[in-house]
């Protein structure tokens, strides 16, 4: 179940501060930075974390991130080749810009 990252972040900040996060404290943190709080989202957050430690939640999150494809496989292989070509061109262009920038000082330093 997707929970807004801001709600999760407030929960983790409260936990890191040493206090036990509650719905009221999460709401207070979010409102302190001008976020309009949705009570339903806070309820969803606390349902999702019920009975779990922060360490368990982080481990679950890392497992989910590990399963996220980062490109270059299956159907994306063709577009990956095209993207690598444009990446090479961008790298060459960046090298040229760096060379131009290095020529700009013409041997004079700020404190010479």
PDB file of N, CA and C in Angstrom:
ATOM      1  N   UNK A   1       0.850  -1.166   0.000  1.00  0.00           N
ATOM      2  CA  UNK A   1       0.000   0.000   0.000  1.00  0.00           C
ATOM      3  C   UNK A   1       0.898   1.231   0.000  1.00  0.00           C
ATOM      4  N   UNK A   2       0.626   2.142  -0.918  1.00  0.00           N
ATOM      5  CA  UNK A   2       1.447   3.345  -1.048  1.00  0.00           C
ATOM      6  C   UNK A   2       1.041   4.377  -0.005  1.00  0.00           C
ATOM      7  N   UNK A   3       1.993   4.859   0.713  1.00  0.00           N
ATOM      8  CA  UNK A   3       1.778   5.926   1.682  1.00  0.00           C
ATOM      9  C   UNK A   3       2.659   7.085   1.236  1.00  0.00           C
ATOM     10  N   UNK A   4       2.129   8.284   1.300  1.00  0.00           N
ATOM     11  CA  UNK A   4       2.947   9.435   0.919  1.00  0.00           C
ATOM     12  C   UNK A   4       4.254   9.423   1.677  1.00  0.00           C
ATOM     13  N   UNK A   5       5.318   9.731   0.972  1.00  0.00           N
ATOM     14  CA  UNK A   5       6.642   9.730   1.589  1.00  0.00           C
ATOM     15  C   UNK A   5       6.752  10.729   2.728  1.00  0.00           C
ATOM     16  N   UNK A   6       6.040  11.830   2.629  1.00  0.00           N
ATOM     17  CA  UNK A   6       6.133  12.834   3.682  1.00  0.00           C
ATOM     18  C   UNK A   6       5.618  12.291   5.006  1.00  0.00           C
ATOM     19  N   UNK A   7       4.576  11.496   4.970  1.00  0.00           N
ATOM     20  CA  UNK A   7       4.036  10.908   6.191  1.00  0.00           C
ATOM     21  C   UNK A   7       5.039   9.924   6.784  1.00  0.00           C
ATOM     22  N   UNK A   8       5.626   9.106   5.926  1.00  0.00           N
ATOM     23  CA  UNK A   8       6.621   8.132   6.373  1.00  0.00           C
ATOM     24  C   UNK A   8       7.853   8.844   6.922  1.00  0.00           C
ATOM     25  N   UNK A   9       8.261   9.911   6.257  1.00  0.00           N
ATOM     26  CA  UNK A   9       9.421  10.665   6.712  1.00  0.00           C
ATOM     27  C   UNK A   9       9.174  11.267   8.089  1.00  0.00           C
ATOM     28  N   UNK A  10       7.999  11.829   8.297  1.00  0.00           N
ATOM     29  CA  UNK A  10       7.661  12.386   9.611  1.00  0.00           C
ATOM     30  C   UNK A  10       7.700  11.290  10.669  1.00  0.00           C
ATOM     31  N   UNK A  11       7.174  10.129  10.339  1.00  0.00           N
ATOM     32  CA  UNK A  11       7.183   8.990  11.264  1.00  0.00           C
ATOM     33  C   UNK A  11       8.622   8.622  11.629  1.00  0.00           C
ATOM     34  N   UNK A  12       9.487   8.513  10.624  1.00  0.00           N
ATOM     35  CA  UNK A  12      10.877   8.127  10.864  1.00  0.00           C
ATOM     36  C   UNK A  12      11.637   9.196  11.637  1.00  0.00           C
ATOM     37  N   UNK A  13      11.360  10.467  11.359  1.00  0.00           N
ATOM     38  CA  UNK A  13      12.005  11.549  12.110  1.00  0.00           C
ATOM     39  C   UNK A  13      11.636  11.493  13.584  1.00  0.00           C
ATOM     40  N   UNK A  14      10.359  11.270  13.837  1.00  0.00           N
ATOM     41  CA  UNK A  14       9.918  11.163  15.225  1.00  0.00           C
ATOM     42  C   UNK A  14      10.577   9.979  15.917  1.00  0.00           C
ATOM     43  N   UNK A  15      10.669   8.864  15.222  1.00  0.00           N
ATOM     44  CA  UNK A  15      11.312   7.682  15.792  1.00  0.00           C
ATOM     45  C   UNK A  15      12.789   7.957  16.074  1.00  0.00           C
ATOM     46  N   UNK A  16      13.465   8.619  15.139  1.00  0.00           N
ATOM     47  CA  UNK A  16      14.889   8.920  15.307  1.00  0.00           C
ATOM     48  C   UNK A  16      15.134   9.889  16.458  1.00  0.00           C
ATOM     49  N   UNK A  17      14.143  10.712  16.771  1.00  0.00           N
ATOM     50  CA  UNK A  17      14.301  11.664  17.864  1.00  0.00           C
ATOM     51  C   UNK A  17      14.156  10.994  19.230  1.00  0.00           C
ATOM     52  N   UNK A  18      13.761   9.723  19.220  1.00  0.00           N
ATOM     53  CA  UNK A  18      13.643   8.981  20.463  1.00  0.00           C
ATOM     54  C   UNK A  18      12.234   8.925  21.020  1.00  0.00           C
ATOM     55  N   UNK A  19      11.302   9.601  20.367  1.00  0.00           N
ATOM     56  CA  UNK A  19       9.922   9.542  20.850  1.00  0.00           C
ATOM     57  C   UNK A  19       9.134   8.520  20.033  1.00  0.00           C
ATOM     58  N   UNK A  20       8.156   7.932  20.662  1.00  0.00           N
ATOM     59  CA  UNK A  20       7.314   6.971  19.961  1.00  0.00           C
ATOM     60  C   UNK A  20       6.323   7.740  19.091  1.00  0.00           C
ATOM     61  N   UNK A  21       6.391   7.545  17.769  1.00  0.00           N
ATOM     62  CA  UNK A  21       5.486   8.270  16.884  1.00  0.00           C
ATOM     63  C   UNK A  21       4.024   7.922  17.145  1.00  0.00           C
ATOM     64  N   UNK A  22       3.183   8.937  17.133  1.00  0.00           N
ATOM     65  CA  UNK A  22       1.745   8.744  17.245  1.00  0.00           C
ATOM     66  C   UNK A  22       1.095   9.511  16.106  1.00  0.00           C
ATOM     67  N   UNK A  23      -0.169   9.246  15.883  1.00  0.00           N
ATOM     68  CA  UNK A  23      -0.886   9.962  14.826  1.00  0.00           C
ATOM     69  C   UNK A  23      -0.843  11.466  15.078  1.00  0.00           C
ATOM     70  N   UNK A  24      -1.014  11.865  16.320  1.00  0.00           N
ATOM     71  CA  UNK A  24      -0.999  13.291  16.661  1.00  0.00           C
ATOM     72  C   UNK A  24       0.370  13.916  16.423  1.00  0.00           C
ATOM     73  N   UNK A  25       1.445  13.175  16.777  1.00  0.00           N
ATOM     74  CA  UNK A  25       2.779  13.746  16.594  1.00  0.00           C
ATOM     75  C   UNK A  25       3.152  13.829  15.118  1.00  0.00           C
ATOM     76  N   UNK A  26       2.758  12.841  14.313  1.00  0.00           N
ATOM     77  CA  UNK A  26       3.009  12.899  12.871  1.00  0.00           C
ATOM     78  C   UNK A  26       2.259  14.085  12.277  1.00  0.00           C
ATOM     79  N   UNK A  27       1.015  14.241  12.676  1.00  0.00           N
ATOM     80  CA  UNK A  27       0.213  15.361  12.195  1.00  0.00           C
ATOM     81  C   UNK A  27       0.862  16.700  12.577  1.00  0.00           C
ATOM     82  N   UNK A  28       1.351  16.782  13.803  1.00  0.00           N
ATOM     83  CA  UNK A  28       1.993  18.007  14.283  1.00  0.00           C
ATOM     84  C   UNK A  28       3.238  18.341  13.469  1.00  0.00           C
ATOM     85  N   UNK A  29       4.061  17.337  13.189  1.00  0.00           N
ATOM     86  CA  UNK A  29       5.277  17.560  12.398  1.00  0.00           C
ATOM     87  C   UNK A  29       4.917  18.054  11.004  1.00  0.00           C
ATOM     88  N   UNK A  30       3.972  17.396  10.367  1.00  0.00           N
ATOM     89  CA  UNK A  30       3.593  17.773   9.007  1.00  0.00           C
ATOM     90  C   UNK A  30       3.002  19.179   8.953  1.00  0.00           C
ATOM     91  N   UNK A  31       2.137  19.497   9.895  1.00  0.00           N
ATOM     92  CA  UNK A  31       1.525  20.820   9.914  1.00  0.00           C
ATOM     93  C   UNK A  31       2.555  21.914  10.215  1.00  0.00           C
ATOM     94  N   UNK A  32       3.603  21.568  10.966  1.00  0.00           N
ATOM     95  CA  UNK A  32       4.629  22.559  11.303  1.00  0.00           C
ATOM     96  C   UNK A  32       5.394  23.044  10.075  1.00  0.00           C
ATOM     97  N   UNK A  33       5.380  22.250   9.005  1.00  0.00           N
ATOM     98  CA  UNK A  33       6.051  22.658   7.771  1.00  0.00           C
ATOM     99  C   UNK A  33       5.054  22.991   6.663  1.00  0.00           C
ATOM    100  N   UNK A  34       3.804  23.208   7.061  1.00  0.00           N
ATOM    101  CA  UNK A  34       2.798  23.689   6.114  1.00  0.00           C
ATOM    102  C   UNK A  34       2.138  22.639   5.249  1.00  0.00           C
ATOM    103  N   UNK A  35       2.208  21.380   5.646  1.00  0.00           N
ATOM    104  CA  UNK A  35       1.566  20.316   4.868  1.00  0.00           C
ATOM    105  C   UNK A  35       0.163  20.104   5.394  1.00  0.00           C
ATOM    106  N   UNK A  36      -0.790  20.116   4.463  1.00  0.00           N
ATOM    107  CA  UNK A  36      -2.179  19.844   4.833  1.00  0.00           C
ATOM    108  C   UNK A  36      -2.319  18.340   5.047  1.00  0.00           C
ATOM    109  N   UNK A  37      -2.679  17.946   6.234  1.00  0.00           N
ATOM    110  CA  UNK A  37      -2.693  16.539   6.630  1.00  0.00           C
ATOM    111  C   UNK A  37      -4.024  15.887   6.277  1.00  0.00           C
ATOM    112  N   UNK A  38      -3.918  14.676   5.716  1.00  0.00           N
ATOM    113  CA  UNK A  38      -5.093  13.856   5.439  1.00  0.00           C
ATOM    114  C   UNK A  38      -5.131  12.759   6.496  1.00  0.00           C
ATOM    115  N   UNK A  39      -6.173  12.768   7.301  1.00  0.00           N
ATOM    116  CA  UNK A  39      -6.299  11.793   8.388  1.00  0.00           C
ATOM    117  C   UNK A  39      -6.258  10.358   7.853  1.00  0.00           C
ATOM    118  N   UNK A  40      -6.831  10.138   6.680  1.00  0.00           N
ATOM    119  CA  UNK A  40      -6.848   8.800   6.095  1.00  0.00           C
ATOM    120  C   UNK A  40      -5.434   8.296   5.835  1.00  0.00           C
ATOM    121  N   UNK A  41      -4.552   9.185   5.389  1.00  0.00           N
ATOM    122  CA  UNK A  41      -3.163   8.796   5.110  1.00  0.00           C
ATOM    123  C   UNK A  41      -2.430   8.431   6.403  1.00  0.00           C
ATOM    124  N   UNK A  42      -2.703   9.168   7.465  1.00  0.00           N
ATOM    125  CA  UNK A  42      -2.074   8.845   8.744  1.00  0.00           C
ATOM    126  C   UNK A  42      -2.561   7.472   9.217  1.00  0.00           C
ATOM    127  N   UNK A  43      -3.845   7.214   9.057  1.00  0.00           N
ATOM    128  CA  UNK A  43      -4.388   5.901   9.438  1.00  0.00           C
ATOM    129  C   UNK A  43      -3.747   4.791   8.626  1.00  0.00           C
ATOM    130  N   UNK A  44      -3.579   5.006   7.320  1.00  0.00           N
ATOM    131  CA  UNK A  44      -2.949   4.010   6.461  1.00  0.00           C
ATOM    132  C   UNK A  44      -1.507   3.760   6.886  1.00  0.00           C
ATOM    133  N   UNK A  45      -0.815   4.819   7.239  1.00  0.00           N
ATOM    134  CA  UNK A  45       0.569   4.686   7.681  1.00  0.00           C
ATOM    135  C   UNK A  45       0.663   3.805   8.919  1.00  0.00           C
ATOM    136  N   UNK A  46      -0.155   4.116   9.910  1.00  0.00           N
ATOM    137  CA  UNK A  46      -0.080   3.354  11.157  1.00  0.00           C
ATOM    138  C   UNK A  46      -0.575   1.919  10.990  1.00  0.00           C
ATOM    139  N   UNK A  47      -1.486   1.669  10.055  1.00  0.00           N
ATOM    140  CA  UNK A  47      -1.888   0.290   9.754  1.00  0.00           C
ATOM    141  C   UNK A  47      -0.732  -0.471   9.119  1.00  0.00           C
ATOM    142  N   UNK A  48       0.015   0.212   8.250  1.00  0.00           N
ATOM    143  CA  UNK A  48       1.121  -0.436   7.537  1.00  0.00           C
ATOM    144  C   UNK A  48       2.300  -0.746   8.450  1.00  0.00           C
ATOM    145  N   UNK A  49       2.517   0.066   9.471  1.00  0.00           N
ATOM    146  CA  UNK A  49       3.686  -0.129  10.343  1.00  0.00           C
ATOM    147  C   UNK A  49       3.352  -0.846  11.648  1.00  0.00           C
ATOM    148  N   UNK A  50       2.090  -1.165  11.842  1.00  0.00           N
ATOM    149  CA  UNK A  50       1.669  -1.791  13.092  1.00  0.00           C
ATOM    150  C   UNK A  50       2.428  -3.086  13.356  1.00  0.00           C
ATOM    151  N   UNK A  51       3.031  -3.179  14.538  1.00  0.00           N
ATOM    152  CA  UNK A  51       3.735  -4.385  14.946  1.00  0.00           C
ATOM    153  C   UNK A  51       5.102  -4.560  14.327  1.00  0.00           C
ATOM    154  N   UNK A  52       5.620  -3.538  13.628  1.00  0.00           N
ATOM    155  CA  UNK A  52       6.927  -3.649  12.978  1.00  0.00           C
ATOM    156  C   UNK A  52       7.874  -2.614  13.561  1.00  0.00           C
ATOM    157  N   UNK A  53       9.133  -3.004  13.659  1.00  0.00           N
ATOM    158  CA  UNK A  53      10.150  -2.052  14.092  1.00  0.00           C
ATOM    159  C   UNK A  53      10.626  -1.253  12.877  1.00  0.00           C
ATOM    160  N   UNK A  54      11.287  -0.159  13.146  1.00  0.00           N
ATOM    161  CA  UNK A  54      11.816   0.664  12.050  1.00  0.00           C
ATOM    162  C   UNK A  54      12.831  -0.145  11.242  1.00  0.00           C
ATOM    163  N   UNK A  55      13.615  -0.962  11.908  1.00  0.00           N
ATOM    164  CA  UNK A  55      14.604  -1.790  11.221  1.00  0.00           C
ATOM    165  C   UNK A  55      13.923  -2.747  10.237  1.00  0.00           C
ATOM    166  N   UNK A  56      12.804  -3.339  10.667  1.00  0.00           N
ATOM    167  CA  UNK A  56      12.052  -4.234   9.779  1.00  0.00           C
ATOM    168  C   UNK A  56      11.492  -3.465   8.586  1.00  0.00           C
ATOM    169  N   UNK A  57      10.986  -2.269   8.841  1.00  0.00           N
ATOM    170  CA  UNK A  57      10.423  -1.460   7.760  1.00  0.00           C
ATOM    171  C   UNK A  57      11.492  -1.080   6.739  1.00  0.00           C
ATOM    172  N   UNK A  58      12.673  -0.723   7.235  1.00  0.00           N
ATOM    173  CA  UNK A  58      13.767  -0.368   6.327  1.00  0.00           C
ATOM    174  C   UNK A  58      14.206  -1.583   5.522  1.00  0.00           C
ATOM    175  N   UNK A  59      14.290  -2.742   6.164  1.00  0.00           N
ATOM    176  CA  UNK A  59      14.664  -3.975   5.458  1.00  0.00           C
ATOM    177  C   UNK A  59      13.644  -4.304   4.365  1.00  0.00           C
ATOM    178  N   UNK A  60      12.357  -4.161   4.670  1.00  0.00           N
ATOM    179  CA  UNK A  60      11.317  -4.404   3.666  1.00  0.00           C
ATOM    180  C   UNK A  60      11.449  -3.427   2.509  1.00  0.00           C
ATOM    181  N   UNK A  61      11.720  -2.176   2.836  1.00  0.00           N
ATOM    182  CA  UNK A  61      11.889  -1.161   1.787  1.00  0.00           C
ATOM    183  C   UNK A  61      13.077  -1.467   0.897  1.00  0.00           C
ATOM    184  N   UNK A  62      14.177  -1.920   1.495  1.00  0.00           N
ATOM    185  CA  UNK A  62      15.358  -2.276   0.707  1.00  0.00           C
ATOM    186  C   UNK A  62      15.077  -3.451  -0.215  1.00  0.00           C
ATOM    187  N   UNK A  63      14.302  -4.434   0.262  1.00  0.00           N
ATOM    188  CA  UNK A  63      13.935  -5.573  -0.578  1.00  0.00           C
ATOM    189  C   UNK A  63      13.107  -5.111  -1.772  1.00  0.00           C
ATOM    190  N   UNK A  64      12.185  -4.201  -1.523  1.00  0.00           N
ATOM    191  CA  UNK A  64      11.355  -3.688  -2.617  1.00  0.00           C
ATOM    192  C   UNK A  64      12.192  -2.905  -3.618  1.00  0.00           C
ATOM    193  N   UNK A  65      13.137  -2.123  -3.127  1.00  0.00           N
ATOM    194  CA  UNK A  65      14.004  -1.365  -4.031  1.00  0.00           C
ATOM    195  C   UNK A  65      14.880  -2.282  -4.864  1.00  0.00           C
ATOM    196  N   UNK A  66      15.314  -3.389  -4.284  1.00  0.00           N
ATOM    197  CA  UNK A  66      16.162  -4.338  -5.004  1.00  0.00           C
ATOM    198  C   UNK A  66      15.420  -4.960  -6.177  1.00  0.00           C
ATOM    199  N   UNK A  67      14.108  -5.042  -6.096  1.00  0.00           N
ATOM    200  CA  UNK A  67      13.337  -5.668  -7.168  1.00  0.00           C
ATOM    201  C   UNK A  67      12.921  -4.671  -8.248  1.00  0.00           C
ATOM    202  N   UNK A  68      13.245  -3.402  -8.077  1.00  0.00           N
ATOM    203  CA  UNK A  68      12.886  -2.388  -9.074  1.00  0.00           C
ATOM    204  C   UNK A  68      13.854  -2.487 -10.246  1.00  0.00           C
ATOM    205  N   UNK A  69      13.332  -2.660 -11.468  1.00  0.00           N
ATOM    206  CA  UNK A  69      14.224  -2.741 -12.628  1.00  0.00           C
ATOM    207  C   UNK A  69      14.901  -1.393 -12.881  1.00  0.00           C
ATOM    208  N   UNK A  70      16.157  -1.463 -13.247  1.00  0.00           N
ATOM    209  CA  UNK A  70      16.905  -0.246 -13.513  1.00  0.00           C
ATOM    210  C   UNK A  70      17.316  -0.127 -14.969  1.00  0.00           C
ATOM    211  N   UNK A  71      16.666  -0.883 -15.832  1.00  0.00           N
ATOM    212  CA  UNK A  71      16.867  -0.745 -17.264  1.00  0.00           C
ATOM    213  C   UNK A  71      17.855  -1.754 -17.829  1.00  0.00           C
ATOM    214  N   UNK A  72      17.860  -1.840 -19.164  1.00  0.00           N
ATOM    215  CA  UNK A  72      18.815  -2.669 -19.859  1.00  0.00           C
ATOM    216  C   UNK A  72      18.418  -4.127 -20.004  1.00  0.00           C
ATOM    217  N   UNK A  73      17.204  -4.507 -19.626  1.00  0.00           N
ATOM    218  CA  UNK A  73      16.824  -5.905 -19.755  1.00  0.00           C
ATOM    219  C   UNK A  73      15.514  -6.028 -20.514  1.00  0.00           C
ATOM    220  N   UNK A  74      15.328  -7.172 -21.131  1.00  0.00           N
ATOM    221  CA  UNK A  74      14.066  -7.480 -21.800  1.00  0.00           C
ATOM    222  C   UNK A  74      13.721  -6.506 -22.910  1.00  0.00           C
ATOM    223  N   UNK A  75      12.503  -5.998 -22.900  1.00  0.00           N
ATOM    224  CA  UNK A  75      11.999  -5.123 -23.954  1.00  0.00           C
ATOM    225  C   UNK A  75      12.737  -3.801 -23.989  1.00  0.00           C
ATOM    226  N   UNK A  76      13.348  -3.426 -22.903  1.00  0.00           N
ATOM    227  CA  UNK A  76      14.033  -2.138 -22.845  1.00  0.00           C
ATOM    228  C   UNK A  76      15.420  -2.192 -23.463  1.00  0.00           C
ATOM    229  N   UNK A  77      15.871  -3.360 -23.908  1.00  0.00           N
ATOM    230  CA  UNK A  77      17.233  -3.489 -24.428  1.00  0.00           C
ATOM    231  C   UNK A  77      17.462  -2.607 -25.639  1.00  0.00           C
ATOM    232  N   UNK A  78      16.504  -2.545 -26.540  1.00  0.00           N
ATOM    233  CA  UNK A  78      16.652  -1.705 -27.728  1.00  0.00           C
ATOM    234  C   UNK A  78      16.755  -0.245 -27.384  1.00  0.00           C
ATOM    235  N   UNK A  79      15.908   0.207 -26.494  1.00  0.00           N
ATOM    236  CA  UNK A  79      15.961   1.614 -26.104  1.00  0.00           C
ATOM    237  C   UNK A  79      17.201   1.893 -25.280  1.00  0.00           C
ATOM    238  N   UNK A  80      17.720   0.867 -24.585  1.00  0.00           N
ATOM    239  CA  UNK A  80      18.944   1.030 -23.813  1.00  0.00           C
ATOM    240  C   UNK A  80      20.127   1.304 -24.716  1.00  0.00           C
ATOM    241  N   UNK A  81      20.177   0.635 -25.867  1.00  0.00           N
ATOM    242  CA  UNK A  81      21.269   0.868 -26.812  1.00  0.00           C
ATOM    243  C   UNK A  81      21.199   2.279 -27.363  1.00  0.00           C
ATOM    244  N   UNK A  82      20.004   2.730 -27.678  1.00  0.00           N
ATOM    245  CA  UNK A  82      19.856   4.093 -28.179  1.00  0.00           C
ATOM    246  C   UNK A  82      20.232   5.103 -27.105  1.00  0.00           C
ATOM    247  N   UNK A  83      19.852   4.809 -25.879  1.00  0.00           N
ATOM    248  CA  UNK A  83      20.164   5.713 -24.785  1.00  0.00           C
ATOM    249  C   UNK A  83      21.664   5.772 -24.544  1.00  0.00           C
ATOM    250  N   UNK A  84      22.355   4.635 -24.675  1.00  0.00           N
ATOM    251  CA  UNK A  84      23.801   4.648 -24.440  1.00  0.00           C
ATOM    252  C   UNK A  84      24.501   5.470 -25.501  1.00  0.00           C
ATOM    253  N   UNK A  85      23.995   5.453 -26.727  1.00  0.00           N
ATOM    254  CA  UNK A  85      24.572   6.289 -27.778  1.00  0.00           C
ATOM    255  C   UNK A  85      24.433   7.760 -27.463  1.00  0.00           C
ATOM    256  N   UNK A  86      23.266   8.151 -26.982  1.00  0.00           N
ATOM    257  CA  UNK A  86      23.065   9.551 -26.639  1.00  0.00           C
ATOM    258  C   UNK A  86      23.856   9.919 -25.394  1.00  0.00           C
ATOM    259  N   UNK A  87      24.080   8.948 -24.511  1.00  0.00           N
ATOM    260  CA  UNK A  87      24.884   9.197 -23.322  1.00  0.00           C
ATOM    261  C   UNK A  87      26.329   9.462 -23.704  1.00  0.00           C
ATOM    262  N   UNK A  88      26.838   8.687 -24.664  1.00  0.00           N
ATOM    263  CA  UNK A  88      28.201   8.902 -25.133  1.00  0.00           C
ATOM    264  C   UNK A  88      28.352  10.272 -25.766  1.00  0.00           C
ATOM    265  N   UNK A  89      27.364  10.674 -26.552  1.00  0.00           N
ATOM    266  CA  UNK A  89      27.410  11.989 -27.177  1.00  0.00           C
ATOM    267  C   UNK A  89      27.385  13.091 -26.129  1.00  0.00           C
ATOM    268  N   UNK A  90      26.583  12.909 -25.091  1.00  0.00           N
ATOM    269  CA  UNK A  90      26.513  13.895 -24.018  1.00  0.00           C
ATOM    270  C   UNK A  90      27.836  13.969 -23.268  1.00  0.00           C
ATOM    271  N   UNK A  91      28.493  12.828 -23.075  1.00  0.00           N
ATOM    272  CA  UNK A  91      29.781  12.811 -22.382  1.00  0.00           C
ATOM    273  C   UNK A  91      30.839  13.548 -23.193  1.00  0.00           C
ATOM    274  N   UNK A  92      30.836  13.330 -24.511  1.00  0.00           N
ATOM    275  CA  UNK A  92      31.793  14.035 -25.370  1.00  0.00           C
ATOM    276  C   UNK A  92      31.540  15.535 -25.338  1.00  0.00           C
ATOM    277  N   UNK A  93      30.275  15.921 -25.372  1.00  0.00           N
ATOM    278  CA  UNK A  93      29.926  17.336 -25.330  1.00  0.00           C
ATOM    279  C   UNK A  93      30.366  17.960 -24.006  1.00  0.00           C
ATOM    280  N   UNK A  94      30.209  17.218 -22.930  1.00  0.00           N
ATOM    281  CA  UNK A  94      30.619  17.715 -21.623  1.00  0.00           C
ATOM    282  C   UNK A  94      32.133  17.901 -21.563  1.00  0.00           C
ATOM    283  N   UNK A  95      32.892  16.975 -22.170  1.00  0.00           N
ATOM    284  CA  UNK A  95      34.346  17.100 -22.193  1.00  0.00           C
ATOM    285  C   UNK A  95      34.758  18.357 -22.954  1.00  0.00           C
ATOM    286  N   UNK A  96      34.073  18.630 -24.074  1.00  0.00           N
ATOM    287  CA  UNK A  96      34.373  19.825 -24.854  1.00  0.00           C
ATOM    288  C   UNK A  96      34.085  21.086 -24.047  1.00  0.00           C
ATOM    289  N   UNK A  97      32.973  21.093 -23.315  1.00  0.00           N
ATOM    290  CA  UNK A  97      32.631  22.247 -22.492  1.00  0.00           C
ATOM    291  C   UNK A  97      33.665  22.463 -21.403  1.00  0.00           C
ATOM    292  N   UNK A  98      34.147  21.365 -20.795  1.00  0.00           N
ATOM    293  CA  UNK A  98      35.166  21.481 -19.754  1.00  0.00           C
ATOM    294  C   UNK A  98      36.443  22.071 -20.331  1.00  0.00           C
ATOM    295  N   UNK A  99      36.803  21.637 -21.540  1.00  0.00           N
ATOM    296  CA  UNK A  99      38.003  22.157 -22.187  1.00  0.00           C
ATOM    297  C   UNK A  99      37.843  23.648 -22.440  1.00  0.00           C
ATOM    298  N   UNK A 100      36.682  24.056 -22.945  1.00  0.00           N
ATOM    299  CA  UNK A 100      36.425  25.472 -23.200  1.00  0.00           C
ATOM    300  C   UNK A 100      36.510  26.273 -21.909  1.00  0.00           C
ATOM    301  N   UNK A 101      35.939  25.737 -20.834  1.00  0.00           N
ATOM    302  CA  UNK A 101      35.971  26.432 -19.554  1.00  0.00           C
ATOM    303  C   UNK A 101      37.392  26.581 -19.042  1.00  0.00           C
ATOM    304  N   UNK A 102      38.222  25.546 -19.232  1.00  0.00           N
ATOM    305  CA  UNK A 102      39.586  25.625 -18.749  1.00  0.00           C
ATOM    306  C   UNK A 102      40.399  26.633 -19.547  1.00  0.00           C
ATOM    307  N   UNK A 103      40.030  26.883 -20.797  1.00  0.00           N
ATOM    308  CA  UNK A 103      40.720  27.876 -21.610  1.00  0.00           C
ATOM    309  C   UNK A 103      40.326  29.296 -21.226  1.00  0.00           C
ATOM    310  N   UNK A 104      39.212  29.451 -20.555  1.00  0.00           N
ATOM    311  CA  UNK A 104      38.697  30.785 -20.224  1.00  0.00           C
ATOM    312  C   UNK A 104      39.609  31.572 -19.298  1.00  0.00           C
ATOM    313  N   UNK A 105      40.327  30.904 -18.380  1.00  0.00           N
ATOM    314  CA  UNK A 105      41.132  31.664 -17.417  1.00  0.00           C
ATOM    315  C   UNK A 105      42.422  32.175 -18.026  1.00  0.00           C
ATOM    316  N   UNK A 106      42.854  31.624 -19.149  1.00  0.00           N
ATOM    317  CA  UNK A 106      44.011  32.064 -19.912  1.00  0.00           C
ATOM    318  C   UNK A 106      45.264  32.231 -19.049  1.00  0.00           C
ATOM    319  N   UNK A 107      45.393  31.401 -18.029  1.00  0.00           N
ATOM    320  CA  UNK A 107      46.597  31.413 -17.219  1.00  0.00           C
ATOM    321  C   UNK A 107      46.600  32.408 -16.091  1.00  0.00           C
ATOM    322  N   UNK A 108      45.542  33.184 -15.938  1.00  0.00           N
ATOM    323  CA  UNK A 108      45.481  34.161 -14.858  1.00  0.00           C
ATOM    324  C   UNK A 108      44.672  33.593 -13.717  1.00  0.00           C
ATOM    325  N   UNK A 109      45.210  33.643 -12.526  1.00  0.00           N
ATOM    326  CA  UNK A 109      44.480  33.188 -11.352  1.00  0.00           C
ATOM    327  C   UNK A 109      43.906  34.385 -10.598  1.00  0.00           C
ATOM    328  N   UNK A 110      42.990  34.133  -9.729  1.00  0.00           N
ATOM    329  CA  UNK A 110      42.345  35.178  -8.957  1.00  0.00           C
ATOM    330  C   UNK A 110      43.333  35.927  -8.069  1.00  0.00           C
ATOM    331  N   UNK A 111      44.330  35.201  -7.555  1.00  0.00           N
ATOM    332  CA  UNK A 111      45.240  35.827  -6.593  1.00  0.00           C
ATOM    333  C   UNK A 111      46.645  35.996  -7.167  1.00  0.00           C
ATOM    334  N   UNK A 112      46.792  36.004  -8.483  1.00  0.00           N
ATOM    335  CA  UNK A 112      48.112  36.192  -9.100  1.00  0.00           C
ATOM    336  C   UNK A 112      48.561  37.632  -9.037  1.00  0.00           C
TER     337      UNK A 112
END
